[in-house]
Amino acid sequence: MASTKITVNSNGSIKIEGDMEIVDKNGNIYDLGGREVISMCRCGMSKNKPFCDGSHKGHFEHEAVAFALPPKK
């Protein structure tokens, strides 16, 4: 079974590595051009949303530190 690793980068994007399929709200598949590593925008400044284009540099701050979510309700 292939795996997918998702990394939340400090002051930047969400990096996705491995086997993936990304779809829009209508279920249409994004053509990733054979990539096995992509970065998703989380600052909202990318001109290539939902993918990161580096626009966040110097304009987006978030220290990515893992924590436990509260129990499901």
PDB file of N, CA and C in Angstrom:
ATOM      1  N   MET A   1       0.839  -1.191   0.000  1.00  0.00           N
ATOM      2  CA  MET A   1       0.000   0.000   0.000  1.00  0.00           C
ATOM      3  C   MET A   1       0.881   1.251   0.000  1.00  0.00           C
ATOM      4  N   ALA A   2       0.608   2.181  -0.899  1.00  0.00           N
ATOM      5  CA  ALA A   2       1.352   3.435  -0.967  1.00  0.00           C
ATOM      6  C   ALA A   2       0.931   4.329   0.185  1.00  0.00           C
ATOM      7  N   SER A   3       1.839   5.181   0.615  1.00  0.00           N
ATOM      8  CA  SER A   3       1.503   6.082   1.712  1.00  0.00           C
ATOM      9  C   SER A   3       1.631   7.536   1.271  1.00  0.00           C
ATOM     10  N   THR A   4       1.000   8.399   2.046  1.00  0.00           N
ATOM     11  CA  THR A   4       1.043   9.826   1.811  1.00  0.00           C
ATOM     12  C   THR A   4       1.509  10.496   3.096  1.00  0.00           C
ATOM     13  N   LYS A   5       2.441  11.424   2.973  1.00  0.00           N
ATOM     14  CA  LYS A   5       2.932  12.188   4.119  1.00  0.00           C
ATOM     15  C   LYS A   5       2.543  13.640   3.911  1.00  0.00           C
ATOM     16  N   ILE A   6       1.936  14.243   4.931  1.00  0.00           N
ATOM     17  CA  ILE A   6       1.532  15.646   4.885  1.00  0.00           C
ATOM     18  C   ILE A   6       2.316  16.383   5.957  1.00  0.00           C
ATOM     19  N   THR A   7       3.038  17.435   5.543  1.00  0.00           N
ATOM     20  CA  THR A   7       3.851  18.223   6.459  1.00  0.00           C
ATOM     21  C   THR A   7       3.338  19.658   6.480  1.00  0.00           C
ATOM     22  N   VAL A   8       2.998  20.156   7.679  1.00  0.00           N
ATOM     23  CA  VAL A   8       2.594  21.552   7.841  1.00  0.00           C
ATOM     24  C   VAL A   8       3.872  22.327   8.128  1.00  0.00           C
ATOM     25  N   ASN A   9       4.279  23.154   7.176  1.00  0.00           N
ATOM     26  CA  ASN A   9       5.510  23.927   7.308  1.00  0.00           C
ATOM     27  C   ASN A   9       5.273  25.201   8.107  1.00  0.00           C
ATOM     28  N   SER A  10       6.226  25.544   8.984  1.00  0.00           N
ATOM     29  CA  SER A  10       6.149  26.821   9.688  1.00  0.00           C
ATOM     30  C   SER A  10       6.241  27.945   8.662  1.00  0.00           C
ATOM     31  N   ASN A  11       5.427  28.964   8.840  1.00  0.00           N
ATOM     32  CA  ASN A  11       5.451  30.155   7.985  1.00  0.00           C
ATOM     33  C   ASN A  11       5.307  29.832   6.504  1.00  0.00           C
ATOM     34  N   GLY A  12       4.561  28.788   6.177  1.00  0.00           N
ATOM     35  CA  GLY A  12       4.452  28.437   4.771  1.00  0.00           C
ATOM     36  C   GLY A  12       3.366  27.442   4.454  1.00  0.00           C
ATOM     37  N   SER A  13       3.633  26.665   3.444  1.00  0.00           N
ATOM     38  CA  SER A  13       2.653  25.778   2.816  1.00  0.00           C
ATOM     39  C   SER A  13       2.452  24.465   3.566  1.00  0.00           C
ATOM     40  N   ILE A  14       1.541  23.679   3.027  1.00  0.00           N
ATOM     41  CA  ILE A  14       1.365  22.297   3.442  1.00  0.00           C
ATOM     42  C   ILE A  14       1.944  21.443   2.327  1.00  0.00           C
ATOM     43  N   LYS A  15       2.964  20.660   2.660  1.00  0.00           N
ATOM     44  CA  LYS A  15       3.634  19.807   1.672  1.00  0.00           C
ATOM     45  C   LYS A  15       3.019  18.411   1.716  1.00  0.00           C
ATOM     46  N   ILE A  16       2.665  17.891   0.540  1.00  0.00           N
ATOM     47  CA  ILE A  16       2.092  16.559   0.423  1.00  0.00           C
ATOM     48  C   ILE A  16       3.035  15.728  -0.439  1.00  0.00           C
ATOM     49  N   GLU A  17       3.427  14.567   0.097  1.00  0.00           N
ATOM     50  CA  GLU A  17       4.349  13.672  -0.605  1.00  0.00           C
ATOM     51  C   GLU A  17       3.734  12.289  -0.698  1.00  0.00           C
ATOM     52  N   GLY A  18       3.885  11.646  -1.852  1.00  0.00           N
ATOM     53  CA  GLY A  18       3.437  10.274  -2.002  1.00  0.00           C
ATOM     54  C   GLY A  18       2.274  10.135  -2.960  1.00  0.00           C
ATOM     55  N   ASP A  19       1.498   9.087  -2.741  1.00  0.00           N
ATOM     56  CA  ASP A  19       0.356   8.770  -3.587  1.00  0.00           C
ATOM     57  C   ASP A  19      -0.808   9.679  -3.224  1.00  0.00           C
ATOM     58  N   MET A  20      -1.315  10.445  -4.189  1.00  0.00           N
ATOM     59  CA  MET A  20      -2.396  11.385  -3.891  1.00  0.00           C
ATOM     60  C   MET A  20      -3.265  11.636  -5.106  1.00  0.00           C
ATOM     61  N   GLU A  21      -4.479  12.042  -4.836  1.00  0.00           N
ATOM     62  CA  GLU A  21      -5.400  12.546  -5.847  1.00  0.00           C
ATOM     63  C   GLU A  21      -6.040  13.768  -5.222  1.00  0.00           C
ATOM     64  N   ILE A  22      -6.004  14.888  -5.919  1.00  0.00           N
ATOM     65  CA  ILE A  22      -6.599  16.122  -5.413  1.00  0.00           C
ATOM     66  C   ILE A  22      -7.741  16.494  -6.340  1.00  0.00           C
ATOM     67  N   VAL A  23      -8.909  16.738  -5.741  1.00  0.00           N
ATOM     68  CA  VAL A  23     -10.101  17.071  -6.524  1.00  0.00           C
ATOM     69  C   VAL A  23     -10.664  18.410  -6.078  1.00  0.00           C
ATOM     70  N   ASP A  24     -11.391  19.080  -6.989  1.00  0.00           N
ATOM     71  CA  ASP A  24     -12.067  20.324  -6.640  1.00  0.00           C
ATOM     72  C   ASP A  24     -13.419  20.001  -6.005  1.00  0.00           C
ATOM     73  N   LYS A  25     -14.191  21.036  -5.681  1.00  0.00           N
ATOM     74  CA  LYS A  25     -15.472  20.833  -4.986  1.00  0.00           C
ATOM     75  C   LYS A  25     -16.474  20.032  -5.797  1.00  0.00           C
ATOM     76  N   ASN A  26     -16.272  19.951  -7.103  1.00  0.00           N
ATOM     77  CA  ASN A  26     -17.173  19.193  -7.974  1.00  0.00           C
ATOM     78  C   ASN A  26     -16.666  17.783  -8.267  1.00  0.00           C
ATOM     79  N   GLY A  27     -15.530  17.425  -7.665  1.00  0.00           N
ATOM     80  CA  GLY A  27     -14.968  16.094  -7.878  1.00  0.00           C
ATOM     81  C   GLY A  27     -14.052  15.985  -9.081  1.00  0.00           C
ATOM     82  N   ASN A  28     -13.776  17.113  -9.758  1.00  0.00           N
ATOM     83  CA  ASN A  28     -12.858  17.105 -10.897  1.00  0.00           C
ATOM     84  C   ASN A  28     -11.424  16.977 -10.391  1.00  0.00           C
ATOM     85  N   ILE A  29     -10.646  16.130 -11.032  1.00  0.00           N
ATOM     86  CA  ILE A  29      -9.280  15.843 -10.599  1.00  0.00           C
ATOM     87  C   ILE A  29      -8.304  16.863 -11.176  1.00  0.00           C
ATOM     88  N   TYR A  30      -7.455  17.431 -10.304  1.00  0.00           N
ATOM     89  CA  TYR A  30      -6.375  18.307 -10.757  1.00  0.00           C
ATOM     90  C   TYR A  30      -5.310  17.444 -11.437  1.00  0.00           C
ATOM     91  N   ASP A  31      -4.807  17.896 -12.574  1.00  0.00           N
ATOM     92  CA  ASP A  31      -3.722  17.210 -13.262  1.00  0.00           C
ATOM     93  C   ASP A  31      -2.413  17.656 -12.614  1.00  0.00           C
ATOM     94  N   LEU A  32      -1.795  16.776 -11.863  1.00  0.00           N
ATOM     95  CA  LEU A  32      -0.573  17.102 -11.133  1.00  0.00           C
ATOM     96  C   LEU A  32       0.682  16.868 -11.964  1.00  0.00           C
ATOM     97  N   GLY A  33       0.510  16.506 -13.215  1.00  0.00           N
ATOM     98  CA  GLY A  33       1.649  16.353 -14.117  1.00  0.00           C
ATOM     99  C   GLY A  33       2.664  15.322 -13.648  1.00  0.00           C
ATOM    100  N   GLY A  34       2.202  14.280 -12.968  1.00  0.00           N
ATOM    101  CA  GLY A  34       3.091  13.223 -12.518  1.00  0.00           C
ATOM    102  C   GLY A  34       3.862  13.528 -11.240  1.00  0.00           C
ATOM    103  N   ARG A  35       3.581  14.671 -10.627  1.00  0.00           N
ATOM    104  CA  ARG A  35       4.311  15.035  -9.411  1.00  0.00           C
ATOM    105  C   ARG A  35       3.955  14.106  -8.256  1.00  0.00           C
ATOM    106  N   GLU A  36       4.958  13.818  -7.433  1.00  0.00           N
ATOM    107  CA  GLU A  36       4.758  13.032  -6.215  1.00  0.00           C
ATOM    108  C   GLU A  36       4.950  13.883  -4.970  1.00  0.00           C
ATOM    109  N   VAL A  37       5.318  15.155  -5.169  1.00  0.00           N
ATOM    110  CA  VAL A  37       5.443  16.130  -4.082  1.00  0.00           C
ATOM    111  C   VAL A  37       4.825  17.425  -4.566  1.00  0.00           C
ATOM    112  N   ILE A  38       3.885  17.965  -3.779  1.00  0.00           N
ATOM    113  CA  ILE A  38       3.287  19.259  -4.108  1.00  0.00           C
ATOM    114  C   ILE A  38       3.137  20.062  -2.820  1.00  0.00           C
ATOM    115  N   SER A  39       2.963  21.363  -2.960  1.00  0.00           N
ATOM    116  CA  SER A  39       2.718  22.226  -1.805  1.00  0.00           C
ATOM    117  C   SER A  39       1.405  22.955  -2.002  1.00  0.00           C
ATOM    118  N   MET A  40       0.581  22.923  -0.952  1.00  0.00           N
ATOM    119  CA  MET A  40      -0.723  23.579  -0.987  1.00  0.00           C
ATOM    120  C   MET A  40      -0.637  24.911  -0.239  1.00  0.00           C
ATOM    121  N   CYS A  41      -1.268  25.935  -0.795  1.00  0.00           N
ATOM    122  CA  CYS A  41      -1.300  27.264  -0.181  1.00  0.00           C
ATOM    123  C   CYS A  41      -2.156  27.238   1.085  1.00  0.00           C
ATOM    124  N   ARG A  42      -1.683  27.913   2.136  1.00  0.00           N
ATOM    125  CA  ARG A  42      -2.531  28.108   3.302  1.00  0.00           C
ATOM    126  C   ARG A  42      -2.528  29.556   3.771  1.00  0.00           C
ATOM    127  N   CYS A  43      -1.856  30.442   3.019  1.00  0.00           N
ATOM    128  CA  CYS A  43      -1.835  31.860   3.382  1.00  0.00           C
ATOM    129  C   CYS A  43      -2.886  32.651   2.612  1.00  0.00           C
ATOM    130  N   GLY A  44      -3.343  32.108   1.483  1.00  0.00           N
ATOM    131  CA  GLY A  44      -4.339  32.790   0.666  1.00  0.00           C
ATOM    132  C   GLY A  44      -3.771  33.772  -0.348  1.00  0.00           C
ATOM    133  N   MET A  45      -2.447  33.910  -0.422  1.00  0.00           N
ATOM    134  CA  MET A  45      -1.836  34.896  -1.326  1.00  0.00           C
ATOM    135  C   MET A  45      -1.390  34.323  -2.666  1.00  0.00           C
ATOM    136  N   SER A  46      -1.370  33.012  -2.823  1.00  0.00           N
ATOM    137  CA  SER A  46      -0.884  32.398  -4.058  1.00  0.00           C
ATOM    138  C   SER A  46      -1.746  32.785  -5.250  1.00  0.00           C
ATOM    139  N   LYS A  47      -1.099  33.018  -6.374  1.00  0.00           N
ATOM    140  CA  LYS A  47      -1.820  33.271  -7.620  1.00  0.00           C
ATOM    141  C   LYS A  47      -2.103  31.948  -8.336  1.00  0.00           C
ATOM    142  N   ASN A  48      -1.708  30.842  -7.713  1.00  0.00           N
ATOM    143  CA  ASN A  48      -1.858  29.509  -8.287  1.00  0.00           C
ATOM    144  C   ASN A  48      -2.665  28.610  -7.335  1.00  0.00           C
ATOM    145  N   LYS A  49      -3.608  29.216  -6.578  1.00  0.00           N
ATOM    146  CA  LYS A  49      -4.399  28.458  -5.604  1.00  0.00           C
ATOM    147  C   LYS A  49      -5.097  27.293  -6.265  1.00  0.00           C
ATOM    148  N   PRO A  50      -5.186  26.156  -5.642  1.00  0.00           N
ATOM    149  CA  PRO A  50      -4.868  25.892  -4.242  1.00  0.00           C
ATOM    150  C   PRO A  50      -3.403  25.555  -3.999  1.00  0.00           C
ATOM    151  N   PHE A  51      -2.562  25.684  -5.017  1.00  0.00           N
ATOM    152  CA  PHE A  51      -1.153  25.323  -4.880  1.00  0.00           C
ATOM    153  C   PHE A  51      -0.328  26.533  -4.469  1.00  0.00           C
ATOM    154  N   CYS A  52       0.753  26.277  -3.745  1.00  0.00           N
ATOM    155  CA  CYS A  52       1.626  27.339  -3.255  1.00  0.00           C
ATOM    156  C   CYS A  52       2.547  27.824  -4.374  1.00  0.00           C
ATOM    157  N   ASP A  53       2.726  29.148  -4.458  1.00  0.00           N
ATOM    158  CA  ASP A  53       3.687  29.715  -5.411  1.00  0.00           C
ATOM    159  C   ASP A  53       4.779  30.522  -4.699  1.00  0.00           C
ATOM    160  N   GLY A  54       4.824  30.434  -3.364  1.00  0.00           N
ATOM    161  CA  GLY A  54       5.849  31.132  -2.591  1.00  0.00           C
ATOM    162  C   GLY A  54       5.497  32.549  -2.205  1.00  0.00           C
ATOM    163  N   SER A  55       4.296  33.025  -2.532  1.00  0.00           N
ATOM    164  CA  SER A  55       3.894  34.403  -2.221  1.00  0.00           C
ATOM    165  C   SER A  55       3.888  34.705  -0.727  1.00  0.00           C
ATOM    166  N   HIS A  56       3.799  33.684   0.121  1.00  0.00           N
ATOM    167  CA  HIS A  56       3.724  33.855   1.569  1.00  0.00           C
ATOM    168  C   HIS A  56       5.019  34.376   2.184  1.00  0.00           C
ATOM    169  N   LYS A  57       6.123  34.229   1.512  1.00  0.00           N
ATOM    170  CA  LYS A  57       7.423  34.548   2.107  1.00  0.00           C
ATOM    171  C   LYS A  57       7.458  35.974   2.654  1.00  0.00           C
ATOM    172  N   GLY A  58       7.683  36.066   3.961  1.00  0.00           N
ATOM    173  CA  GLY A  58       7.759  37.354   4.634  1.00  0.00           C
ATOM    174  C   GLY A  58       6.410  37.961   4.970  1.00  0.00           C
ATOM    175  N   HIS A  59       5.307  37.272   4.640  1.00  0.00           N
ATOM    176  CA  HIS A  59       3.972  37.831   4.855  1.00  0.00           C
ATOM    177  C   HIS A  59       3.030  36.917   5.624  1.00  0.00           C
ATOM    178  N   PHE A  60       3.511  35.774   6.071  1.00  0.00           N
ATOM    179  CA  PHE A  60       2.646  34.792   6.715  1.00  0.00           C
ATOM    180  C   PHE A  60       3.406  34.160   7.861  1.00  0.00           C
ATOM    181  N   GLU A  61       2.842  34.232   9.064  1.00  0.00           N
ATOM    182  CA  GLU A  61       3.511  33.667  10.219  1.00  0.00           C
ATOM    183  C   GLU A  61       2.629  32.646  10.913  1.00  0.00           C
ATOM    184  N   HIS A  62       3.170  31.463  11.083  1.00  0.00           N
ATOM    185  CA  HIS A  62       2.514  30.422  11.875  1.00  0.00           C
ATOM    186  C   HIS A  62       3.559  29.388  12.222  1.00  0.00           C
ATOM    187  N   GLU A  63       3.797  29.194  13.498  1.00  0.00           N
ATOM    188  CA  GLU A  63       4.754  28.189  13.956  1.00  0.00           C
ATOM    189  C   GLU A  63       4.043  26.850  14.012  1.00  0.00           C
ATOM    190  N   ALA A  64       4.403  25.958  13.112  1.00  0.00           N
ATOM    191  CA  ALA A  64       3.744  24.652  13.020  1.00  0.00           C
ATOM    192  C   ALA A  64       4.313  23.704  14.066  1.00  0.00           C
ATOM    193  N   VAL A  65       3.537  23.455  15.111  1.00  0.00           N
ATOM    194  CA  VAL A  65       3.922  22.539  16.181  1.00  0.00           C
ATOM    195  C   VAL A  65       2.749  21.594  16.405  1.00  0.00           C
ATOM    196  N   ALA A  66       3.013  20.295  16.355  1.00  0.00           N
ATOM    197  CA  ALA A  66       1.951  19.300  16.493  1.00  0.00           C
ATOM    198  C   ALA A  66       1.326  19.351  17.894  1.00  0.00           C
ATOM    199  N   PHE A  67       0.014  19.045  17.940  1.00  0.00           N
ATOM    200  CA  PHE A  67      -0.718  18.974  19.205  1.00  0.00           C
ATOM    201  C   PHE A  67      -1.861  17.985  19.039  1.00  0.00           C
ATOM    202  N   ALA A  68      -2.441  17.586  20.132  1.00  0.00           N
ATOM    203  CA  ALA A  68      -3.566  16.634  20.093  1.00  0.00           C
ATOM    204  C   ALA A  68      -4.883  17.383  19.975  1.00  0.00           C
ATOM    205  N   LEU A  69      -5.723  16.945  19.069  1.00  0.00           N
ATOM    206  CA  LEU A  69      -7.069  17.512  18.961  1.00  0.00           C
ATOM    207  C   LEU A  69      -7.920  17.021  20.130  1.00  0.00           C
ATOM    208  N   PRO A  70      -8.949  17.789  20.516  1.00  0.00           N
ATOM    209  CA  PRO A  70      -9.840  17.308  21.562  1.00  0.00           C
ATOM    210  C   PRO A  70     -10.616  16.088  21.062  1.00  0.00           C
ATOM    211  N   PRO A  71     -11.153  15.285  21.960  1.00  0.00           N
ATOM    212  CA  PRO A  71     -11.913  14.103  21.552  1.00  0.00           C
ATOM    213  C   PRO A  71     -13.079  14.472  20.636  1.00  0.00           C
ATOM    214  N   LYS A  72     -13.408  13.540  19.722  1.00  0.00           N
ATOM    215  CA  LYS A  72     -14.555  13.753  18.849  1.00  0.00           C
ATOM    216  C   LYS A  72     -15.818  13.777  19.676  1.00  0.00           C
ATOM    217  N   LYS A  73     -16.786  14.596  19.251  1.00  0.00           N
ATOM    218  CA  LYS A  73     -18.082  14.667  19.944  1.00  0.00           C
ATOM    219  C   LYS A  73     -19.041  13.661  19.389  1.00  0.00           C
TER     220      LYS A  73
END
